[in-house]
mmCIF file of all heavy atoms, coordinates in Angstrom:
data_MODEL
# 
_entry.id   MODEL 
# 
loop_
_atom_site.group_PDB 
_atom_site.id 
_atom_site.type_symbol 
_atom_site.label_atom_id 
_atom_site.label_alt_id 
_atom_site.label_comp_id 
_atom_site.label_asym_id 
_atom_site.label_entity_id 
_atom_site.label_seq_id 
_atom_site.pdbx_PDB_ins_code 
_atom_site.Cartn_x 
_atom_site.Cartn_y 
_atom_site.Cartn_z 
_atom_site.occupancy 
_atom_site.B_iso_or_equiv 
_atom_site.pdbx_formal_charge 
_atom_site.auth_seq_id 
_atom_site.auth_comp_id 
_atom_site.auth_asym_id 
_atom_site.auth_atom_id 
_atom_site.pdbx_PDB_model_num 
ATOM 1   N N   . ILE A 1 1  ? 0.840   -1.184  0.000  1.00 0.00 ? 1  ILE A N   1 
ATOM 2   C CA  . ILE A 1 1  ? 0.000   0.000   0.000  1.00 0.00 ? 1  ILE A CA  1 
ATOM 3   C C   . ILE A 1 1  ? 0.881   1.242   0.000  1.00 0.00 ? 1  ILE A C   1 
ATOM 4   O O   . ILE A 1 1  ? 1.950   1.260   0.626  1.00 0.00 ? 1  ILE A O   1 
ATOM 5   C CB  . ILE A 1 1  ? -0.966  0.005   1.213  1.00 0.00 ? 1  ILE A CB  1 
ATOM 6   C CG1 . ILE A 1 1  ? -1.987  1.137   1.102  1.00 0.00 ? 1  ILE A CG1 1 
ATOM 7   C CG2 . ILE A 1 1  ? -0.198  0.079   2.525  1.00 0.00 ? 1  ILE A CG2 1 
ATOM 8   C CD1 . ILE A 1 1  ? -3.097  1.051   2.131  1.00 0.00 ? 1  ILE A CD1 1 
ATOM 9   N N   . SER A 1 2  ? 0.448   2.262   -0.707 1.00 0.00 ? 2  SER A N   1 
ATOM 10  C CA  . SER A 1 2  ? 1.186   3.521   -0.730 1.00 0.00 ? 2  SER A CA  1 
ATOM 11  C C   . SER A 1 2  ? 0.195   4.665   -0.885 1.00 0.00 ? 2  SER A C   1 
ATOM 12  O O   . SER A 1 2  ? -0.965  4.453   -1.253 1.00 0.00 ? 2  SER A O   1 
ATOM 13  C CB  . SER A 1 2  ? 2.209   3.535   -1.856 1.00 0.00 ? 2  SER A CB  1 
ATOM 14  O OG  . SER A 1 2  ? 1.572   3.377   -3.117 1.00 0.00 ? 2  SER A OG  1 
ATOM 15  N N   . ARG A 1 3  ? 0.649   5.876   -0.593 1.00 0.00 ? 3  ARG A N   1 
ATOM 16  C CA  . ARG A 1 3  ? -0.221  7.033   -0.691 1.00 0.00 ? 3  ARG A CA  1 
ATOM 17  C C   . ARG A 1 3  ? 0.532   8.191   -1.295 1.00 0.00 ? 3  ARG A C   1 
ATOM 18  O O   . ARG A 1 3  ? 1.748   8.310   -1.163 1.00 0.00 ? 3  ARG A O   1 
ATOM 19  C CB  . ARG A 1 3  ? -0.785  7.420   0.674  1.00 0.00 ? 3  ARG A CB  1 
ATOM 20  C CG  . ARG A 1 3  ? 0.265   7.844   1.694  1.00 0.00 ? 3  ARG A CG  1 
ATOM 21  C CD  . ARG A 1 3  ? -0.341  7.977   3.091  1.00 0.00 ? 3  ARG A CD  1 
ATOM 22  N NE  . ARG A 1 3  ? -1.223  9.143   3.198  1.00 0.00 ? 3  ARG A NE  1 
ATOM 23  C CZ  . ARG A 1 3  ? -1.901  9.449   4.294  1.00 0.00 ? 3  ARG A CZ  1 
ATOM 24  N NH1 . ARG A 1 3  ? -1.834  8.663   5.361  1.00 0.00 ? 3  ARG A NH1 1 
ATOM 25  N NH2 . ARG A 1 3  ? -2.685  10.514  4.342  1.00 0.00 ? 3  ARG A NH2 1 
ATOM 26  N N   . ASP A 1 4  ? -0.215  9.060   -1.943 1.00 0.00 ? 4  ASP A N   1 
ATOM 27  C CA  . ASP A 1 4  ? 0.320   10.299  -2.488 1.00 0.00 ? 4  ASP A CA  1 
ATOM 28  C C   . ASP A 1 4  ? -0.487  11.417  -1.853 1.00 0.00 ? 4  ASP A C   1 
ATOM 29  O O   . ASP A 1 4  ? -1.617  11.679  -2.263 1.00 0.00 ? 4  ASP A O   1 
ATOM 30  C CB  . ASP A 1 4  ? 0.191   10.300  -4.011 1.00 0.00 ? 4  ASP A CB  1 
ATOM 31  C CG  . ASP A 1 4  ? 0.762   11.562  -4.638 1.00 0.00 ? 4  ASP A CG  1 
ATOM 32  O OD1 . ASP A 1 4  ? 0.833   12.611  -3.954 1.00 0.00 ? 4  ASP A OD1 1 
ATOM 33  O OD2 . ASP A 1 4  ? 1.133   11.513  -5.823 1.00 0.00 ? 4  ASP A OD2 1 
ATOM 34  N N   . ASN A 1 5  ? 0.073   12.033  -0.834 1.00 0.00 ? 5  ASN A N   1 
ATOM 35  C CA  . ASN A 1 5  ? -0.677  13.048  -0.094 1.00 0.00 ? 5  ASN A CA  1 
ATOM 36  C C   . ASN A 1 5  ? -1.021  14.259  -0.959 1.00 0.00 ? 5  ASN A C   1 
ATOM 37  O O   . ASN A 1 5  ? -2.098  14.839  -0.830 1.00 0.00 ? 5  ASN A O   1 
ATOM 38  C CB  . ASN A 1 5  ? 0.118   13.500  1.127  1.00 0.00 ? 5  ASN A CB  1 
ATOM 39  C CG  . ASN A 1 5  ? 0.225   12.410  2.172  1.00 0.00 ? 5  ASN A CG  1 
ATOM 40  O OD1 . ASN A 1 5  ? -0.638  11.542  2.285  1.00 0.00 ? 5  ASN A OD1 1 
ATOM 41  N ND2 . ASN A 1 5  ? 1.294   12.442  2.953  1.00 0.00 ? 5  ASN A ND2 1 
ATOM 42  N N   . ALA A 1 6  ? -0.123  14.626  -1.835 1.00 0.00 ? 6  ALA A N   1 
ATOM 43  C CA  . ALA A 1 6  ? -0.352  15.809  -2.668 1.00 0.00 ? 6  ALA A CA  1 
ATOM 44  C C   . ALA A 1 6  ? -1.537  15.604  -3.610 1.00 0.00 ? 6  ALA A C   1 
ATOM 45  O O   . ALA A 1 6  ? -2.272  16.544  -3.911 1.00 0.00 ? 6  ALA A O   1 
ATOM 46  C CB  . ALA A 1 6  ? 0.904   16.128  -3.461 1.00 0.00 ? 6  ALA A CB  1 
ATOM 47  N N   . GLN A 1 7  ? -1.709  14.362  -4.062 1.00 0.00 ? 7  GLN A N   1 
ATOM 48  C CA  . GLN A 1 7  ? -2.786  14.068  -5.006 1.00 0.00 ? 7  GLN A CA  1 
ATOM 49  C C   . GLN A 1 7  ? -4.002  13.451  -4.334 1.00 0.00 ? 7  GLN A C   1 
ATOM 50  O O   . GLN A 1 7  ? -4.984  13.140  -5.004 1.00 0.00 ? 7  GLN A O   1 
ATOM 51  C CB  . GLN A 1 7  ? -2.269  13.105  -6.092 1.00 0.00 ? 7  GLN A CB  1 
ATOM 52  C CG  . GLN A 1 7  ? -1.125  13.655  -6.915 1.00 0.00 ? 7  GLN A CG  1 
ATOM 53  C CD  . GLN A 1 7  ? -1.559  14.848  -7.750 1.00 0.00 ? 7  GLN A CD  1 
ATOM 54  O OE1 . GLN A 1 7  ? -2.684  14.927  -8.235 1.00 0.00 ? 7  GLN A OE1 1 
ATOM 55  N NE2 . GLN A 1 7  ? -0.653  15.799  -7.901 1.00 0.00 ? 7  GLN A NE2 1 
ATOM 56  N N   . ASN A 1 8  ? -3.952  13.254  -3.013 1.00 0.00 ? 8  ASN A N   1 
ATOM 57  C CA  . ASN A 1 8  ? -5.031  12.574  -2.287 1.00 0.00 ? 8  ASN A CA  1 
ATOM 58  C C   . ASN A 1 8  ? -5.361  11.230  -2.912 1.00 0.00 ? 8  ASN A C   1 
ATOM 59  O O   . ASN A 1 8  ? -6.519  10.920  -3.199 1.00 0.00 ? 8  ASN A O   1 
ATOM 60  C CB  . ASN A 1 8  ? -6.276  13.458  -2.234 1.00 0.00 ? 8  ASN A CB  1 
ATOM 61  C CG  . ASN A 1 8  ? -6.290  14.369  -1.013 1.00 0.00 ? 8  ASN A CG  1 
ATOM 62  O OD1 . ASN A 1 8  ? -5.461  14.226  -0.122 1.00 0.00 ? 8  ASN A OD1 1 
ATOM 63  N ND2 . ASN A 1 8  ? -7.195  15.300  -0.985 1.00 0.00 ? 8  ASN A ND2 1 
ATOM 64  N N   . MET A 1 9  ? -4.304  10.447  -3.132 1.00 0.00 ? 9  MET A N   1 
ATOM 65  C CA  . MET A 1 9  ? -4.459  9.144   -3.737 1.00 0.00 ? 9  MET A CA  1 
ATOM 66  C C   . MET A 1 9  ? -3.904  8.071   -2.807 1.00 0.00 ? 9  MET A C   1 
ATOM 67  O O   . MET A 1 9  ? -2.960  8.303   -2.056 1.00 0.00 ? 9  MET A O   1 
ATOM 68  C CB  . MET A 1 9  ? -3.702  9.058   -5.061 1.00 0.00 ? 9  MET A CB  1 
ATOM 69  C CG  . MET A 1 9  ? -4.160  10.015  -6.134 1.00 0.00 ? 9  MET A CG  1 
ATOM 70  S SD  . MET A 1 9  ? -5.709  9.513   -6.910 1.00 0.00 ? 9  MET A SD  1 
ATOM 71  C CE  . MET A 1 9  ? -5.215  7.987   -7.702 1.00 0.00 ? 9  MET A CE  1 
ATOM 72  N N   . VAL A 1 10 ? -4.490  6.888   -2.886 1.00 0.00 ? 10 VAL A N   1 
ATOM 73  C CA  . VAL A 1 10 ? -3.928  5.728   -2.210 1.00 0.00 ? 10 VAL A CA  1 
ATOM 74  C C   . VAL A 1 10 ? -3.944  4.570   -3.197 1.00 0.00 ? 10 VAL A C   1 
ATOM 75  O O   . VAL A 1 10 ? -4.880  4.443   -3.999 1.00 0.00 ? 10 VAL A O   1 
ATOM 76  C CB  . VAL A 1 10 ? -4.695  5.381   -0.917 1.00 0.00 ? 10 VAL A CB  1 
ATOM 77  C CG1 . VAL A 1 10 ? -6.151  5.062   -1.177 1.00 0.00 ? 10 VAL A CG1 1 
ATOM 78  C CG2 . VAL A 1 10 ? -4.008  4.258   -0.154 1.00 0.00 ? 10 VAL A CG2 1 
ATOM 79  N N   . TYR A 1 11 ? -2.901  3.757   -3.145 1.00 0.00 ? 11 TYR A N   1 
ATOM 80  C CA  . TYR A 1 11 ? -2.723  2.681   -4.108 1.00 0.00 ? 11 TYR A CA  1 
ATOM 81  C C   . TYR A 1 11 ? -2.556  1.347   -3.392 1.00 0.00 ? 11 TYR A C   1 
ATOM 82  O O   . TYR A 1 11 ? -2.092  1.292   -2.252 1.00 0.00 ? 11 TYR A O   1 
ATOM 83  C CB  . TYR A 1 11 ? -1.484  2.942   -4.971 1.00 0.00 ? 11 TYR A CB  1 
ATOM 84  C CG  . TYR A 1 11 ? -1.484  4.275   -5.652 1.00 0.00 ? 11 TYR A CG  1 
ATOM 85  C CD1 . TYR A 1 11 ? -0.818  5.365   -5.092 1.00 0.00 ? 11 TYR A CD1 1 
ATOM 86  C CD2 . TYR A 1 11 ? -2.149  4.466   -6.858 1.00 0.00 ? 11 TYR A CD2 1 
ATOM 87  C CE1 . TYR A 1 11 ? -0.810  6.599   -5.712 1.00 0.00 ? 11 TYR A CE1 1 
ATOM 88  C CE2 . TYR A 1 11 ? -2.149  5.701   -7.485 1.00 0.00 ? 11 TYR A CE2 1 
ATOM 89  C CZ  . TYR A 1 11 ? -1.483  6.759   -6.909 1.00 0.00 ? 11 TYR A CZ  1 
ATOM 90  O OH  . TYR A 1 11 ? -1.490  7.979   -7.532 1.00 0.00 ? 11 TYR A OH  1 
ATOM 91  N N   . LEU A 1 12 ? -2.901  0.299   -4.096 1.00 0.00 ? 12 LEU A N   1 
ATOM 92  C CA  . LEU A 1 12 ? -2.642  -1.043  -3.603 1.00 0.00 ? 12 LEU A CA  1 
ATOM 93  C C   . LEU A 1 12 ? -2.046  -1.849  -4.751 1.00 0.00 ? 12 LEU A C   1 
ATOM 94  O O   . LEU A 1 12 ? -2.742  -2.168  -5.713 1.00 0.00 ? 12 LEU A O   1 
ATOM 95  C CB  . LEU A 1 12 ? -3.918  -1.714  -3.090 1.00 0.00 ? 12 LEU A CB  1 
ATOM 96  C CG  . LEU A 1 12 ? -3.706  -3.091  -2.444 1.00 0.00 ? 12 LEU A CG  1 
ATOM 97  C CD1 . LEU A 1 12 ? -2.932  -2.929  -1.116 1.00 0.00 ? 12 LEU A CD1 1 
ATOM 98  C CD2 . LEU A 1 12 ? -5.044  -3.788  -2.190 1.00 0.00 ? 12 LEU A CD2 1 
ATOM 99  N N   . GLN A 1 13 ? -0.770  -2.135  -4.629 1.00 0.00 ? 13 GLN A N   1 
ATOM 100 C CA  . GLN A 1 13 ? -0.095  -2.990  -5.611 1.00 0.00 ? 13 GLN A CA  1 
ATOM 101 C C   . GLN A 1 13 ? -0.251  -4.435  -5.157 1.00 0.00 ? 13 GLN A C   1 
ATOM 102 O O   . GLN A 1 13 ? 0.152   -4.791  -4.047 1.00 0.00 ? 13 GLN A O   1 
ATOM 103 C CB  . GLN A 1 13 ? 1.383   -2.623  -5.706 1.00 0.00 ? 13 GLN A CB  1 
ATOM 104 C CG  . GLN A 1 13 ? 2.179   -3.497  -6.668 1.00 0.00 ? 13 GLN A CG  1 
ATOM 105 C CD  . GLN A 1 13 ? 1.735   -3.308  -8.106 1.00 0.00 ? 13 GLN A CD  1 
ATOM 106 O OE1 . GLN A 1 13 ? 1.516   -2.195  -8.566 1.00 0.00 ? 13 GLN A OE1 1 
ATOM 107 N NE2 . GLN A 1 13 ? 1.606   -4.416  -8.830 1.00 0.00 ? 13 GLN A NE2 1 
ATOM 108 N N   . MET A 1 14 ? -0.836  -5.253  -6.019 1.00 0.00 ? 14 MET A N   1 
ATOM 109 C CA  . MET A 1 14 ? -1.110  -6.645  -5.676 1.00 0.00 ? 14 MET A CA  1 
ATOM 110 C C   . MET A 1 14 ? -0.335  -7.553  -6.622 1.00 0.00 ? 14 MET A C   1 
ATOM 111 O O   . MET A 1 14 ? -0.582  -7.531  -7.832 1.00 0.00 ? 14 MET A O   1 
ATOM 112 C CB  . MET A 1 14 ? -2.618  -6.930  -5.770 1.00 0.00 ? 14 MET A CB  1 
ATOM 113 C CG  . MET A 1 14 ? -3.469  -5.993  -4.932 1.00 0.00 ? 14 MET A CG  1 
ATOM 114 S SD  . MET A 1 14 ? -5.219  -6.427  -4.926 1.00 0.00 ? 14 MET A SD  1 
ATOM 115 C CE  . MET A 1 14 ? -5.629  -6.117  -6.637 1.00 0.00 ? 14 MET A CE  1 
ATOM 116 N N   . ASN A 1 15 ? 0.579   -8.311  -6.075 1.00 0.00 ? 15 ASN A N   1 
ATOM 117 C CA  . ASN A 1 15 ? 1.397   -9.234  -6.854 1.00 0.00 ? 15 ASN A CA  1 
ATOM 118 C C   . ASN A 1 15 ? 1.119   -10.668 -6.432 1.00 0.00 ? 15 ASN A C   1 
ATOM 119 O O   . ASN A 1 15 ? 0.553   -10.918 -5.366 1.00 0.00 ? 15 ASN A O   1 
ATOM 120 C CB  . ASN A 1 15 ? 2.876   -8.917  -6.658 1.00 0.00 ? 15 ASN A CB  1 
ATOM 121 C CG  . ASN A 1 15 ? 3.249   -7.527  -7.117 1.00 0.00 ? 15 ASN A CG  1 
ATOM 122 O OD1 . ASN A 1 15 ? 2.702   -7.008  -8.099 1.00 0.00 ? 15 ASN A OD1 1 
ATOM 123 N ND2 . ASN A 1 15 ? 4.189   -6.908  -6.422 1.00 0.00 ? 15 ASN A ND2 1 
ATOM 124 N N   . SER A 1 16 ? 1.518   -11.595 -7.266 1.00 0.00 ? 16 SER A N   1 
ATOM 125 C CA  . SER A 1 16 ? 1.354   -13.027 -6.968 1.00 0.00 ? 16 SER A CA  1 
ATOM 126 C C   . SER A 1 16 ? -0.075  -13.334 -6.530 1.00 0.00 ? 16 SER A C   1 
ATOM 127 O O   . SER A 1 16 ? -0.303  -14.001 -5.517 1.00 0.00 ? 16 SER A O   1 
ATOM 128 C CB  . SER A 1 16 ? 2.343   -13.454 -5.876 1.00 0.00 ? 16 SER A CB  1 
ATOM 129 O OG  . SER A 1 16 ? 3.677   -13.195 -6.277 1.00 0.00 ? 16 SER A OG  1 
ATOM 130 N N   . LEU A 1 17 ? -1.016  -12.845 -7.299 1.00 0.00 ? 17 LEU A N   1 
ATOM 131 C CA  . LEU A 1 17 ? -2.418  -12.988 -6.917 1.00 0.00 ? 17 LEU A CA  1 
ATOM 132 C C   . LEU A 1 17 ? -2.856  -14.448 -6.915 1.00 0.00 ? 17 LEU A C   1 
ATOM 133 O O   . LEU A 1 17 ? -2.397  -15.263 -7.726 1.00 0.00 ? 17 LEU A O   1 
ATOM 134 C CB  . LEU A 1 17 ? -3.294  -12.167 -7.863 1.00 0.00 ? 17 LEU A CB  1 
ATOM 135 C CG  . LEU A 1 17 ? -3.285  -10.667 -7.565 1.00 0.00 ? 17 LEU A CG  1 
ATOM 136 C CD1 . LEU A 1 17 ? -3.746  -9.863  -8.760 1.00 0.00 ? 17 LEU A CD1 1 
ATOM 137 C CD2 . LEU A 1 17 ? -4.149  -10.373 -6.356 1.00 0.00 ? 17 LEU A CD2 1 
ATOM 138 N N   . LYS A 1 18 ? -3.734  -14.739 -5.983 1.00 0.00 ? 18 LYS A N   1 
ATOM 139 C CA  . LYS A 1 18 ? -4.274  -16.092 -5.822 1.00 0.00 ? 18 LYS A CA  1 
ATOM 140 C C   . LYS A 1 18 ? -5.791  -16.041 -5.988 1.00 0.00 ? 18 LYS A C   1 
ATOM 141 O O   . LYS A 1 18 ? -6.409  -14.980 -5.842 1.00 0.00 ? 18 LYS A O   1 
ATOM 142 C CB  . LYS A 1 18 ? -3.938  -16.615 -4.419 1.00 0.00 ? 18 LYS A CB  1 
ATOM 143 C CG  . LYS A 1 18 ? -2.457  -16.599 -4.060 1.00 0.00 ? 18 LYS A CG  1 
ATOM 144 C CD  . LYS A 1 18 ? -2.244  -17.033 -2.619 1.00 0.00 ? 18 LYS A CD  1 
ATOM 145 C CE  . LYS A 1 18 ? -0.772  -16.993 -2.229 1.00 0.00 ? 18 LYS A CE  1 
ATOM 146 N NZ  . LYS A 1 18 ? -0.563  -17.401 -0.817 1.00 0.00 ? 18 LYS A NZ  1 
ATOM 147 N N   . SER A 1 19 ? -6.369  -17.186 -6.228 1.00 0.00 ? 19 SER A N   1 
ATOM 148 C CA  . SER A 1 19 ? -7.821  -17.240 -6.413 1.00 0.00 ? 19 SER A CA  1 
ATOM 149 C C   . SER A 1 19 ? -8.551  -16.751 -5.163 1.00 0.00 ? 19 SER A C   1 
ATOM 150 O O   . SER A 1 19 ? -9.620  -16.146 -5.261 1.00 0.00 ? 19 SER A O   1 
ATOM 151 C CB  . SER A 1 19 ? -8.262  -18.655 -6.766 1.00 0.00 ? 19 SER A CB  1 
ATOM 152 O OG  . SER A 1 19 ? -7.856  -19.573 -5.762 1.00 0.00 ? 19 SER A OG  1 
ATOM 153 N N   . GLU A 1 20 ? -7.951  -16.978 -4.011 1.00 0.00 ? 20 GLU A N   1 
ATOM 154 C CA  . GLU A 1 20 ? -8.587  -16.536 -2.760 1.00 0.00 ? 20 GLU A CA  1 
ATOM 155 C C   . GLU A 1 20 ? -8.543  -15.023 -2.560 1.00 0.00 ? 20 GLU A C   1 
ATOM 156 O O   . GLU A 1 20 ? -9.127  -14.504 -1.610 1.00 0.00 ? 20 GLU A O   1 
ATOM 157 C CB  . GLU A 1 20 ? -7.974  -17.240 -1.541 1.00 0.00 ? 20 GLU A CB  1 
ATOM 158 C CG  . GLU A 1 20 ? -6.475  -17.207 -1.476 1.00 0.00 ? 20 GLU A CG  1 
ATOM 159 C CD  . GLU A 1 20 ? -5.839  -18.484 -2.022 1.00 0.00 ? 20 GLU A CD  1 
ATOM 160 O OE1 . GLU A 1 20 ? -6.252  -18.944 -3.110 1.00 0.00 ? 20 GLU A OE1 1 
ATOM 161 O OE2 . GLU A 1 20 ? -4.910  -18.979 -1.356 1.00 0.00 ? 20 GLU A OE2 1 
ATOM 162 N N   . ASP A 1 21 ? -7.849  -14.312 -3.439 1.00 0.00 ? 21 ASP A N   1 
ATOM 163 C CA  . ASP A 1 21 ? -7.864  -12.848 -3.403 1.00 0.00 ? 21 ASP A CA  1 
ATOM 164 C C   . ASP A 1 21 ? -9.080  -12.277 -4.116 1.00 0.00 ? 21 ASP A C   1 
ATOM 165 O O   . ASP A 1 21 ? -9.302  -11.063 -4.079 1.00 0.00 ? 21 ASP A O   1 
ATOM 166 C CB  . ASP A 1 21 ? -6.593  -12.279 -4.041 1.00 0.00 ? 21 ASP A CB  1 
ATOM 167 C CG  . ASP A 1 21 ? -5.338  -12.651 -3.275 1.00 0.00 ? 21 ASP A CG  1 
ATOM 168 O OD1 . ASP A 1 21 ? -5.362  -12.597 -2.023 1.00 0.00 ? 21 ASP A OD1 1 
ATOM 169 O OD2 . ASP A 1 21 ? -4.328  -12.983 -3.921 1.00 0.00 ? 21 ASP A OD2 1 
ATOM 170 N N   . THR A 1 22 ? -9.844  -13.128 -4.761 1.00 0.00 ? 22 THR A N   1 
ATOM 171 C CA  . THR A 1 22 ? -11.039 -12.676 -5.459 1.00 0.00 ? 22 THR A CA  1 
ATOM 172 C C   . THR A 1 22 ? -12.025 -12.054 -4.477 1.00 0.00 ? 22 THR A C   1 
ATOM 173 O O   . THR A 1 22 ? -12.406 -12.685 -3.487 1.00 0.00 ? 22 THR A O   1 
ATOM 174 C CB  . THR A 1 22 ? -11.711 -13.843 -6.197 1.00 0.00 ? 22 THR A CB  1 
ATOM 175 O OG1 . THR A 1 22 ? -10.839 -14.314 -7.231 1.00 0.00 ? 22 THR A OG1 1 
ATOM 176 C CG2 . THR A 1 22 ? -13.041 -13.422 -6.798 1.00 0.00 ? 22 THR A CG2 1 
ATOM 177 N N   . ALA A 1 23 ? -12.420 -10.806 -4.753 1.00 0.00 ? 23 ALA A N   1 
ATOM 178 C CA  . ALA A 1 23 ? -13.310 -10.076 -3.854 1.00 0.00 ? 23 ALA A CA  1 
ATOM 179 C C   . ALA A 1 23 ? -13.600 -8.707  -4.456 1.00 0.00 ? 23 ALA A C   1 
ATOM 180 O O   . ALA A 1 23 ? -12.978 -8.309  -5.449 1.00 0.00 ? 23 ALA A O   1 
ATOM 181 C CB  . ALA A 1 23 ? -12.671 -9.893  -2.479 1.00 0.00 ? 23 ALA A CB  1 
ATOM 182 N N   . VAL A 1 24 ? -14.527 -8.007  -3.827 1.00 0.00 ? 24 VAL A N   1 
ATOM 183 C CA  . VAL A 1 24 ? -14.696 -6.596  -4.112 1.00 0.00 ? 24 VAL A CA  1 
ATOM 184 C C   . VAL A 1 24 ? -13.785 -5.842  -3.147 1.00 0.00 ? 24 VAL A C   1 
ATOM 185 O O   . VAL A 1 24 ? -13.831 -6.075  -1.935 1.00 0.00 ? 24 VAL A O   1 
ATOM 186 C CB  . VAL A 1 24 ? -16.159 -6.151  -3.935 1.00 0.00 ? 24 VAL A CB  1 
ATOM 187 C CG1 . VAL A 1 24 ? -16.283 -4.650  -4.186 1.00 0.00 ? 24 VAL A CG1 1 
ATOM 188 C CG2 . VAL A 1 24 ? -17.069 -6.927  -4.884 1.00 0.00 ? 24 VAL A CG2 1 
ATOM 189 N N   . TYR A 1 25 ? -12.974 -4.967  -3.684 1.00 0.00 ? 25 TYR A N   1 
ATOM 190 C CA  . TYR A 1 25 ? -12.020 -4.209  -2.885 1.00 0.00 ? 25 TYR A CA  1 
ATOM 191 C C   . TYR A 1 25 ? -12.542 -2.783  -2.687 1.00 0.00 ? 25 TYR A C   1 
ATOM 192 O O   . TYR A 1 25 ? -12.941 -2.120  -3.661 1.00 0.00 ? 25 TYR A O   1 
ATOM 193 C CB  . TYR A 1 25 ? -10.657 -4.191  -3.571 1.00 0.00 ? 25 TYR A CB  1 
ATOM 194 C CG  . TYR A 1 25 ? -9.928  -5.508  -3.412 1.00 0.00 ? 25 TYR A CG  1 
ATOM 195 C CD1 . TYR A 1 25 ? -10.360 -6.649  -4.076 1.00 0.00 ? 25 TYR A CD1 1 
ATOM 196 C CD2 . TYR A 1 25 ? -8.806  -5.611  -2.588 1.00 0.00 ? 25 TYR A CD2 1 
ATOM 197 C CE1 . TYR A 1 25 ? -9.708  -7.856  -3.926 1.00 0.00 ? 25 TYR A CE1 1 
ATOM 198 C CE2 . TYR A 1 25 ? -8.139  -6.815  -2.430 1.00 0.00 ? 25 TYR A CE2 1 
ATOM 199 C CZ  . TYR A 1 25 ? -8.602  -7.939  -3.093 1.00 0.00 ? 25 TYR A CZ  1 
ATOM 200 O OH  . TYR A 1 25 ? -7.950  -9.137  -2.938 1.00 0.00 ? 25 TYR A OH  1 
# 
């Protein structure tokens, strides 16, 4: 997870995804 305070943004980088990661985020 990371954030850009100047842009009021937050990010979630998801790697090595698995079937159990399936969801609404």
